[in-house]
Structures are given as C-alpha cells and as structure tokens.
PDB file of N, CA and C in Angstrom:
ATOM      1  N   UNK A   1       5.867  85.007 228.376  1.00  0.00           N
ATOM      2  CA  UNK A   1       7.422  85.200 227.959  1.00  0.00           C
ATOM      3  C   UNK A   1       7.915  86.156 227.729  1.00  0.00           C
ATOM      4  N   UNK A   2       9.256  86.528 228.462  1.00  0.00           N
ATOM      5  CA  UNK A   2       9.179  87.867 228.870  1.00  0.00           C
ATOM      6  C   UNK A   2      10.168  87.981 227.064  1.00  0.00           C
ATOM      7  N   UNK A   3      10.356  89.165 226.938  1.00  0.00           N
ATOM      8  CA  UNK A   3      10.260  89.509 225.203  1.00  0.00           C
ATOM      9  C   UNK A   3      11.600  90.247 225.972  1.00  0.00           C
ATOM     10  N   UNK A   4      13.347  89.902 225.641  1.00  0.00           N
ATOM     11  CA  UNK A   4      14.704  91.587 225.690  1.00  0.00           C
ATOM     12  C   UNK A   4      15.164  90.868 227.010  1.00  0.00           C
ATOM     13  N   UNK A   5      14.702  90.284 227.321  1.00  0.00           N
ATOM     14  CA  UNK A   5      15.043  90.569 229.646  1.00  0.00           C
ATOM     15  C   UNK A   5      16.455  89.213 229.670  1.00  0.00           C
ATOM     16  N   UNK A   6      17.761  88.824 229.651  1.00  0.00           N
ATOM     17  CA  UNK A   6      18.472  88.381 229.834  1.00  0.00           C
ATOM     18  C   UNK A   6      18.149  87.737 230.772  1.00  0.00           C
ATOM     19  N   UNK A   7      18.930  85.701 230.666  1.00  0.00           N
ATOM     20  CA  UNK A   7      18.584  85.002 231.983  1.00  0.00           C
ATOM     21  C   UNK A   7      20.032  85.535 233.086  1.00  0.00           C
ATOM     22  N   UNK A   8      19.286  84.869 234.026  1.00  0.00           N
ATOM     23  CA  UNK A   8      20.136  85.642 235.271  1.00  0.00           C
ATOM     24  C   UNK A   8      21.434  84.376 235.582  1.00  0.00           C
ATOM     25  N   UNK A   9      22.004  85.046 235.513  1.00  0.00           N
ATOM     26  CA  UNK A   9      23.542  84.539 235.601  1.00  0.00           C
ATOM     27  C   UNK A   9      23.465  82.284 236.886  1.00  0.00           C
ATOM     28  N   UNK A  10      22.826  82.416 237.822  1.00  0.00           N
ATOM     29  CA  UNK A  10      22.551  82.156 239.367  1.00  0.00           C
ATOM     30  C   UNK A  10      21.899  80.808 238.266  1.00  0.00           C
ATOM     31  N   UNK A  11      21.454  80.542 237.224  1.00  0.00           N
ATOM     32  CA  UNK A  11      20.082  79.132 236.514  1.00  0.00           C
ATOM     33  C   UNK A  11      21.055  78.325 236.202  1.00  0.00           C
ATOM     34  N   UNK A  12      20.774  77.470 236.333  1.00  0.00           N
ATOM     35  CA  UNK A  12      20.788  75.912 236.365  1.00  0.00           C
ATOM     36  C   UNK A  12      21.129  75.448 234.923  1.00  0.00           C
ATOM     37  N   UNK A  13      22.716  74.973 233.512  1.00  0.00           N
ATOM     38  CA  UNK A  13      22.238  74.682 232.475  1.00  0.00           C
ATOM     39  C   UNK A  13      20.793  74.080 231.650  1.00  0.00           C
ATOM     40  N   UNK A  14      19.800  74.458 231.170  1.00  0.00           N
ATOM     41  CA  UNK A  14      18.839  73.558 231.055  1.00  0.00           C
ATOM     42  C   UNK A  14      17.350  74.147 230.207  1.00  0.00           C
ATOM     43  N   UNK A  15      16.414  74.076 230.040  1.00  0.00           N
ATOM     44  CA  UNK A  15      15.075  73.926 229.746  1.00  0.00           C
ATOM     45  C   UNK A  15      15.191  75.332 230.091  1.00  0.00           C
ATOM     46  N   UNK A  16      14.680  75.083 231.309  1.00  0.00           N
ATOM     47  CA  UNK A  16      14.257  76.464 232.182  1.00  0.00           C
ATOM     48  C   UNK A  16      14.806  77.483 232.653  1.00  0.00           C
ATOM     49  N   UNK A  17      14.842  78.643 232.747  1.00  0.00           N
ATOM     50  CA  UNK A  17      15.127  79.544 233.367  1.00  0.00           C
ATOM     51  C   UNK A  17      14.212  80.766 233.987  1.00  0.00           C
ATOM     52  N   UNK A  18      15.177  81.626 234.630  1.00  0.00           N
ATOM     53  CA  UNK A  18      14.684  82.686 235.152  1.00  0.00           C
ATOM     54  C   UNK A  18      15.573  83.459 234.630  1.00  0.00           C
ATOM     55  N   UNK A  19      13.766  84.810 233.924  1.00  0.00           N
ATOM     56  CA  UNK A  19      14.619  85.910 233.398  1.00  0.00           C
ATOM     57  C   UNK A  19      15.389  87.637 234.659  1.00  0.00           C
ATOM     58  N   UNK A  20      15.504  87.834 233.777  1.00  0.00           N
ATOM     59  CA  UNK A  20      15.618  89.843 234.999  1.00  0.00           C
ATOM     60  C   UNK A  20      14.685  90.461 234.977  1.00  0.00           C
ATOM     61  N   UNK A  21      13.207  89.989 234.783  1.00  0.00           N
ATOM     62  CA  UNK A  21      11.885  90.214 234.796  1.00  0.00           C
ATOM     63  C   UNK A  21      11.060  90.231 236.162  1.00  0.00           C
ATOM     64  N   UNK A  22      11.678  88.733 237.027  1.00  0.00           N
ATOM     65  CA  UNK A  22      11.210  88.390 238.129  1.00  0.00           C
ATOM     66  C   UNK A  22      11.627  89.631 238.741  1.00  0.00           C
ATOM     67  N   UNK A  23       9.907  89.478 240.128  1.00  0.00           N
ATOM     68  CA  UNK A  23      10.332  90.138 240.595  1.00  0.00           C
ATOM     69  C   UNK A  23      10.481  89.459 242.111  1.00  0.00           C
ATOM     70  N   UNK A  24      10.700  88.502 242.679  1.00  0.00           N
ATOM     71  CA  UNK A  24      10.945  88.088 243.732  1.00  0.00           C
ATOM     72  C   UNK A  24       9.503  87.520 243.712  1.00  0.00           C
ATOM     73  N   UNK A  25       9.107  86.936 243.675  1.00  0.00           N
ATOM     74  CA  UNK A  25       7.672  86.569 244.522  1.00  0.00           C
ATOM     75  C   UNK A  25       7.274  85.763 245.257  1.00  0.00           C
ATOM     76  N   UNK A  26       8.545  84.940 244.441  1.00  0.00           N
ATOM     77  CA  UNK A  26       8.910  83.580 245.113  1.00  0.00           C
ATOM     78  C   UNK A  26       7.458  82.605 245.194  1.00  0.00           C
ATOM     79  N   UNK A  27       7.025  83.002 244.232  1.00  0.00           N
ATOM     80  CA  UNK A  27       4.911  81.536 244.299  1.00  0.00           C
ATOM     81  C   UNK A  27       7.077  80.820 243.638  1.00  0.00           C
ATOM     82  N   UNK A  28       7.652  80.202 242.364  1.00  0.00           N
ATOM     83  CA  UNK A  28       7.842  79.218 241.613  1.00  0.00           C
ATOM     84  C   UNK A  28       8.345  78.452 242.865  1.00  0.00           C
ATOM     85  N   UNK A  29       9.068  79.136 243.892  1.00  0.00           N
ATOM     86  CA  UNK A  29      10.146  78.496 245.091  1.00  0.00           C
ATOM     87  C   UNK A  29       8.904  77.529 245.897  1.00  0.00           C
ATOM     88  N   UNK A  30       7.953  78.631 246.025  1.00  0.00           N
ATOM     89  CA  UNK A  30       7.255  77.473 246.865  1.00  0.00           C
ATOM     90  C   UNK A  30       6.140  76.514 246.325  1.00  0.00           C
ATOM     91  N   UNK A  31       5.600  76.978 244.802  1.00  0.00           N
ATOM     92  CA  UNK A  31       4.792  75.620 244.108  1.00  0.00           C
ATOM     93  C   UNK A  31       6.542  74.119 243.905  1.00  0.00           C
ATOM     94  N   UNK A  32       6.862  74.456 243.530  1.00  0.00           N
ATOM     95  CA  UNK A  32       7.705  74.004 243.466  1.00  0.00           C
ATOM     96  C   UNK A  32       9.776  74.208 243.559  1.00  0.00           C
ATOM     97  N   UNK A  33       9.793  73.611 245.398  1.00  0.00           N
ATOM     98  CA  UNK A  33      10.788  74.071 246.690  1.00  0.00           C
ATOM     99  C   UNK A  33      12.010  73.305 245.574  1.00  0.00           C
ATOM    100  N   UNK A  34      11.905  71.566 244.905  1.00  0.00           N
ATOM    101  CA  UNK A  34      13.492  71.695 244.647  1.00  0.00           C
ATOM    102  C   UNK A  34      13.528  71.881 243.576  1.00  0.00           C
ATOM    103  N   UNK A  35      12.828  73.103 242.972  1.00  0.00           N
ATOM    104  CA  UNK A  35      13.465  73.490 240.892  1.00  0.00           C
ATOM    105  C   UNK A  35      13.781  74.692 241.408  1.00  0.00           C
ATOM    106  N   UNK A  36      13.562  75.621 242.595  1.00  0.00           N
ATOM    107  CA  UNK A  36      13.975  76.995 242.307  1.00  0.00           C
ATOM    108  C   UNK A  36      14.221  77.432 243.960  1.00  0.00           C
ATOM    109  N   UNK A  37      14.960  78.688 243.377  1.00  0.00           N
ATOM    110  CA  UNK A  37      15.352  79.187 245.380  1.00  0.00           C
ATOM    111  C   UNK A  37      14.909  80.257 245.343  1.00  0.00           C
ATOM    112  N   UNK A  38      15.278  81.124 245.827  1.00  0.00           N
ATOM    113  CA  UNK A  38      15.765  82.435 246.233  1.00  0.00           C
ATOM    114  C   UNK A  38      16.849  83.161 246.411  1.00  0.00           C
ATOM    115  N   UNK A  39      17.331  84.532 245.868  1.00  0.00           N
ATOM    116  CA  UNK A  39      18.701  85.353 246.863  1.00  0.00           C
ATOM    117  C   UNK A  39      17.635  86.380 246.966  1.00  0.00           C
ATOM    118  N   UNK A  40      18.868  86.435 248.217  1.00  0.00           N
ATOM    119  CA  UNK A  40      18.340  87.289 249.584  1.00  0.00           C
ATOM    120  C   UNK A  40      19.919  88.821 248.848  1.00  0.00           C
ATOM    121  N   UNK A  41      19.187  89.434 249.686  1.00  0.00           N
ATOM    122  CA  UNK A  41      20.081  90.850 249.485  1.00  0.00           C
ATOM    123  C   UNK A  41      20.400  91.193 250.943  1.00  0.00           C
ATOM    124  N   UNK A  42      21.518  92.379 251.189  1.00  0.00           N
ATOM    125  CA  UNK A  42      21.599  91.980 252.924  1.00  0.00           C
ATOM    126  C   UNK A  42      20.461  92.822 254.001  1.00  0.00           C
ATOM    127  N   UNK A  43      19.785  93.060 253.788  1.00  0.00           N
ATOM    128  CA  UNK A  43      19.321  93.303 254.674  1.00  0.00           C
ATOM    129  C   UNK A  43      18.140  91.292 254.127  1.00  0.00           C
ATOM    130  N   UNK A  44      18.502  90.739 253.726  1.00  0.00           N
ATOM    131  CA  UNK A  44      17.267  89.637 253.664  1.00  0.00           C
ATOM    132  C   UNK A  44      15.905  89.551 253.020  1.00  0.00           C
ATOM    133  N   UNK A  45      16.369  90.415 252.263  1.00  0.00           N
ATOM    134  CA  UNK A  45      14.575  90.836 251.159  1.00  0.00           C
ATOM    135  C   UNK A  45      15.098  89.657 250.297  1.00  0.00           C
ATOM    136  N   UNK A  46      13.901  88.954 249.274  1.00  0.00           N
ATOM    137  CA  UNK A  46      14.453  88.447 248.271  1.00  0.00           C
ATOM    138  C   UNK A  46      14.397  89.410 247.428  1.00  0.00           C
ATOM    139  N   UNK A  47      15.258  88.608 246.652  1.00  0.00           N
ATOM    140  CA  UNK A  47      15.581  89.889 245.408  1.00  0.00           C
ATOM    141  C   UNK A  47      15.490  89.305 244.143  1.00  0.00           C
ATOM    142  N   UNK A  48      15.154  88.252 243.468  1.00  0.00           N
ATOM    143  CA  UNK A  48      14.787  86.752 241.950  1.00  0.00           C
ATOM    144  C   UNK A  48      14.952  85.498 243.164  1.00  0.00           C
ATOM    145  N   UNK A  49      14.283  84.900 242.255  1.00  0.00           N
ATOM    146  CA  UNK A  49      14.393  83.389 242.045  1.00  0.00           C
ATOM    147  C   UNK A  49      15.138  82.982 241.332  1.00  0.00           C
ATOM    148  N   UNK A  50      15.894  82.255 240.970  1.00  0.00           N
ATOM    149  CA  UNK A  50      16.236  80.772 239.903  1.00  0.00           C
ATOM    150  C   UNK A  50      15.878  79.657 239.718  1.00  0.00           C
ATOM    151  N   UNK A  51      16.459  78.311 238.599  1.00  0.00           N
ATOM    152  CA  UNK A  51      16.668  77.561 238.353  1.00  0.00           C
ATOM    153  C   UNK A  51      17.211  77.711 239.209  1.00  0.00           C
ATOM    154  N   UNK A  52      17.859  76.687 239.982  1.00  0.00           N
ATOM    155  CA  UNK A  52      18.763  75.797 241.358  1.00  0.00           C
ATOM    156  C   UNK A  52      18.835  74.364 240.838  1.00  0.00           C
ATOM    157  N   UNK A  53      17.304  74.531 240.940  1.00  0.00           N
ATOM    158  CA  UNK A  53      17.878  72.398 239.869  1.00  0.00           C
ATOM    159  C   UNK A  53      16.285  71.906 238.604  1.00  0.00           C
ATOM    160  N   UNK A  54      17.029  71.988 236.882  1.00  0.00           N
ATOM    161  CA  UNK A  54      16.506  71.696 236.361  1.00  0.00           C
ATOM    162  C   UNK A  54      15.144  70.124 236.443  1.00  0.00           C
ATOM    163  N   UNK A  55      14.158  70.104 236.676  1.00  0.00           N
ATOM    164  CA  UNK A  55      13.505  68.533 236.616  1.00  0.00           C
ATOM    165  C   UNK A  55      13.787  67.301 236.005  1.00  0.00           C
ATOM    166  N   UNK A  56      13.730  66.687 236.259  1.00  0.00           N
ATOM    167  CA  UNK A  56      14.188  65.134 236.226  1.00  0.00           C
ATOM    168  C   UNK A  56      13.471  63.938 237.018  1.00  0.00           C
ATOM    169  N   UNK A  57      12.688  64.704 237.133  1.00  0.00           N
ATOM    170  CA  UNK A  57      11.242  63.963 236.911  1.00  0.00           C
ATOM    171  C   UNK A  57       9.851  64.641 235.860  1.00  0.00           C
ATOM    172  N   UNK A  58       8.448  63.779 235.634  1.00  0.00           N
ATOM    173  CA  UNK A  58       8.169  64.147 235.328  1.00  0.00           C
ATOM    174  C   UNK A  58       7.108  64.846 236.390  1.00  0.00           C
ATOM    175  N   UNK A  59       7.047  64.819 237.586  1.00  0.00           N
ATOM    176  CA  UNK A  59       6.370  64.935 238.624  1.00  0.00           C
ATOM    177  C   UNK A  59       7.068  67.090 239.237  1.00  0.00           C
ATOM    178  N   UNK A  60       8.040  66.918 238.972  1.00  0.00           N
ATOM    179  CA  UNK A  60       8.971  68.212 238.821  1.00  0.00           C
ATOM    180  C   UNK A  60       8.245  68.960 237.219  1.00  0.00           C
ATOM    181  N   UNK A  61       8.972  68.158 236.397  1.00  0.00           N
ATOM    182  CA  UNK A  61       8.933  68.972 234.563  1.00  0.00           C
ATOM    183  C   UNK A  61       6.894  69.651 235.259  1.00  0.00           C
ATOM    184  N   UNK A  62       6.778  68.619 235.276  1.00  0.00           N
ATOM    185  CA  UNK A  62       4.351  69.536 235.827  1.00  0.00           C
ATOM    186  C   UNK A  62       4.018  70.557 236.858  1.00  0.00           C
ATOM    187  N   UNK A  63       5.339  70.492 237.872  1.00  0.00           N
ATOM    188  CA  UNK A  63       5.841  71.124 238.797  1.00  0.00           C
ATOM    189  C   UNK A  63       6.692  73.185 238.786  1.00  0.00           C
ATOM    190  N   UNK A  64       7.254  72.832 237.542  1.00  0.00           N
ATOM    191  CA  UNK A  64       7.880  73.634 237.023  1.00  0.00           C
ATOM    192  C   UNK A  64       6.758  74.390 235.543  1.00  0.00           C
ATOM    193  N   UNK A  65       6.718  73.765 235.297  1.00  0.00           N
ATOM    194  CA  UNK A  65       5.252  74.050 234.341  1.00  0.00           C
ATOM    195  C   UNK A  65       4.635  74.824 234.344  1.00  0.00           C
ATOM    196  N   UNK A  66       4.261  74.125 235.584  1.00  0.00           N
ATOM    197  CA  UNK A  66       3.086  75.795 236.735  1.00  0.00           C
ATOM    198  C   UNK A  66       2.912  76.635 237.163  1.00  0.00           C
ATOM    199  N   UNK A  67       4.687  76.298 237.652  1.00  0.00           N
ATOM    200  CA  UNK A  67       5.000  77.949 238.391  1.00  0.00           C
ATOM    201  C   UNK A  67       5.355  78.613 237.147  1.00  0.00           C
ATOM    202  N   UNK A  68       5.575  78.414 235.538  1.00  0.00           N
ATOM    203  CA  UNK A  68       6.129  78.474 234.733  1.00  0.00           C
ATOM    204  C   UNK A  68       4.452  79.929 234.133  1.00  0.00           C
ATOM    205  N   UNK A  69       3.243  78.642 234.149  1.00  0.00           N
ATOM    206  CA  UNK A  69       2.489  79.540 234.444  1.00  0.00           C
ATOM    207  C   UNK A  69       1.608  80.362 235.073  1.00  0.00           C
ATOM    208  N   UNK A  70       2.382  80.095 236.477  1.00  0.00           N
ATOM    209  CA  UNK A  70       1.504  81.250 237.444  1.00  0.00           C
ATOM    210  C   UNK A  70       1.888  82.517 237.449  1.00  0.00           C
ATOM    211  N   UNK A  71       3.629  81.887 236.737  1.00  0.00           N
ATOM    212  CA  UNK A  71       3.789  83.340 236.972  1.00  0.00           C
ATOM    213  C   UNK A  71       3.519  85.265 236.230  1.00  0.00           C
ATOM    214  N   UNK A  72       3.770  85.384 237.344  1.00  0.00           N
ATOM    215  CA  UNK A  72       3.268  87.251 237.859  1.00  0.00           C
ATOM    216  C   UNK A  72       4.066  88.180 236.045  1.00  0.00           C
ATOM    217  N   UNK A  73       4.793  88.060 236.001  1.00  0.00           N
ATOM    218  CA  UNK A  73       5.213  88.224 235.800  1.00  0.00           C
ATOM    219  C   UNK A  73       5.868  87.758 234.265  1.00  0.00           C
ATOM    220  N   UNK A  74       5.902  85.968 234.048  1.00  0.00           N
ATOM    221  CA  UNK A  74       6.360  86.158 233.332  1.00  0.00           C
ATOM    222  C   UNK A  74       7.758  85.745 232.682  1.00  0.00           C
ATOM    223  N   UNK A  75       8.469  86.048 233.506  1.00  0.00           N
ATOM    224  CA  UNK A  75       9.918  85.678 234.017  1.00  0.00           C
ATOM    225  C   UNK A  75      10.243  84.106 233.821  1.00  0.00           C
ATOM    226  N   UNK A  76       9.430  82.972 234.057  1.00  0.00           N
ATOM    227  CA  UNK A  76      10.286  82.392 234.068  1.00  0.00           C
ATOM    228  C   UNK A  76       9.621  81.100 233.217  1.00  0.00           C
ATOM    229  N   UNK A  77      10.948  80.468 232.273  1.00  0.00           N
ATOM    230  CA  UNK A  77      11.129  81.163 230.025  1.00  0.00           C
ATOM    231  C   UNK A  77      11.089  79.283 229.985  1.00  0.00           C
ATOM    232  N   UNK A  78      10.368  78.825 229.191  1.00  0.00           N
ATOM    233  CA  UNK A  78      11.480  76.592 228.869  1.00  0.00           C
ATOM    234  C   UNK A  78      11.257  77.332 227.489  1.00  0.00           C
ATOM    235  N   UNK A  79      12.296  76.781 227.407  1.00  0.00           N
ATOM    236  CA  UNK A  79      13.555  77.505 226.051  1.00  0.00           C
ATOM    237  C   UNK A  79      13.241  75.979 224.936  1.00  0.00           C
ATOM    238  N   UNK A  80      12.804  75.111 225.511  1.00  0.00           N
ATOM    239  CA  UNK A  80      12.178  73.878 224.838  1.00  0.00           C
ATOM    240  C   UNK A  80      13.540  73.182 225.105  1.00  0.00           C
ATOM    241  N   UNK A  81      15.010  73.411 225.138  1.00  0.00           N
ATOM    242  CA  UNK A  81      16.131  72.906 225.019  1.00  0.00           C
ATOM    243  C   UNK A  81      16.524  72.055 226.476  1.00  0.00           C
ATOM    244  N   UNK A  82      17.029  71.345 226.226  1.00  0.00           N
ATOM    245  CA  UNK A  82      17.724  70.076 227.534  1.00  0.00           C
ATOM    246  C   UNK A  82      18.572  70.071 227.877  1.00  0.00           C
ATOM    247  N   UNK A  83      18.970  69.261 229.430  1.00  0.00           N
ATOM    248  CA  UNK A  83      20.763  70.160 228.951  1.00  0.00           C
ATOM    249  C   UNK A  83      21.409  70.006 228.218  1.00  0.00           C
ATOM    250  N   UNK A  84      21.993  71.034 228.268  1.00  0.00           N
ATOM    251  CA  UNK A  84      23.672  70.949 227.233  1.00  0.00           C
ATOM    252  C   UNK A  84      24.390  70.022 228.214  1.00  0.00           C
TER     253      UNK A  84
END
C-alpha cells in the first residue's frame, strides 16, 4: 500500500480507491473493466486509473483484489470499509 499519497477525486466512495501513485499502466482496467476506468490527457495518453464502480459481486471483489495485488506501484488501496 502506498504511504502518504492522496486518493484520486474520481474514485467512487467505498472500500477500494486508487491513489496518486498510479502510473496509468491500465492493468486494473484490463483485469476488472467493470470497476476501473482510465483518464486521458489532451493527447489521448492515459494519465491514471480510478475506481469507476465499487465491486457489487464476489467475482468483482475478487477481480479488484487481483488488480490490487498486481498493481506495479501499489496504487490500489483497500481501506477495509464499505460504501458510506
């Protein structure tokens, strides 16, 4: 887990979020496309990813956990809390 990095504003409230350490590699959106999306800059280059939708099924939960495990910079965080 990343220390001291801020949660990106695009994240949906809930258990998972992507922080500012994200490098936009898109692994998470490839693994869990229903839950992660990418932002792009003016040149259509990926800037970073964010949690578009919190998981609502066991399968989505498993895919979000897998995304968190393979994130090369540890930018996906499980805060252990459900939606507020």
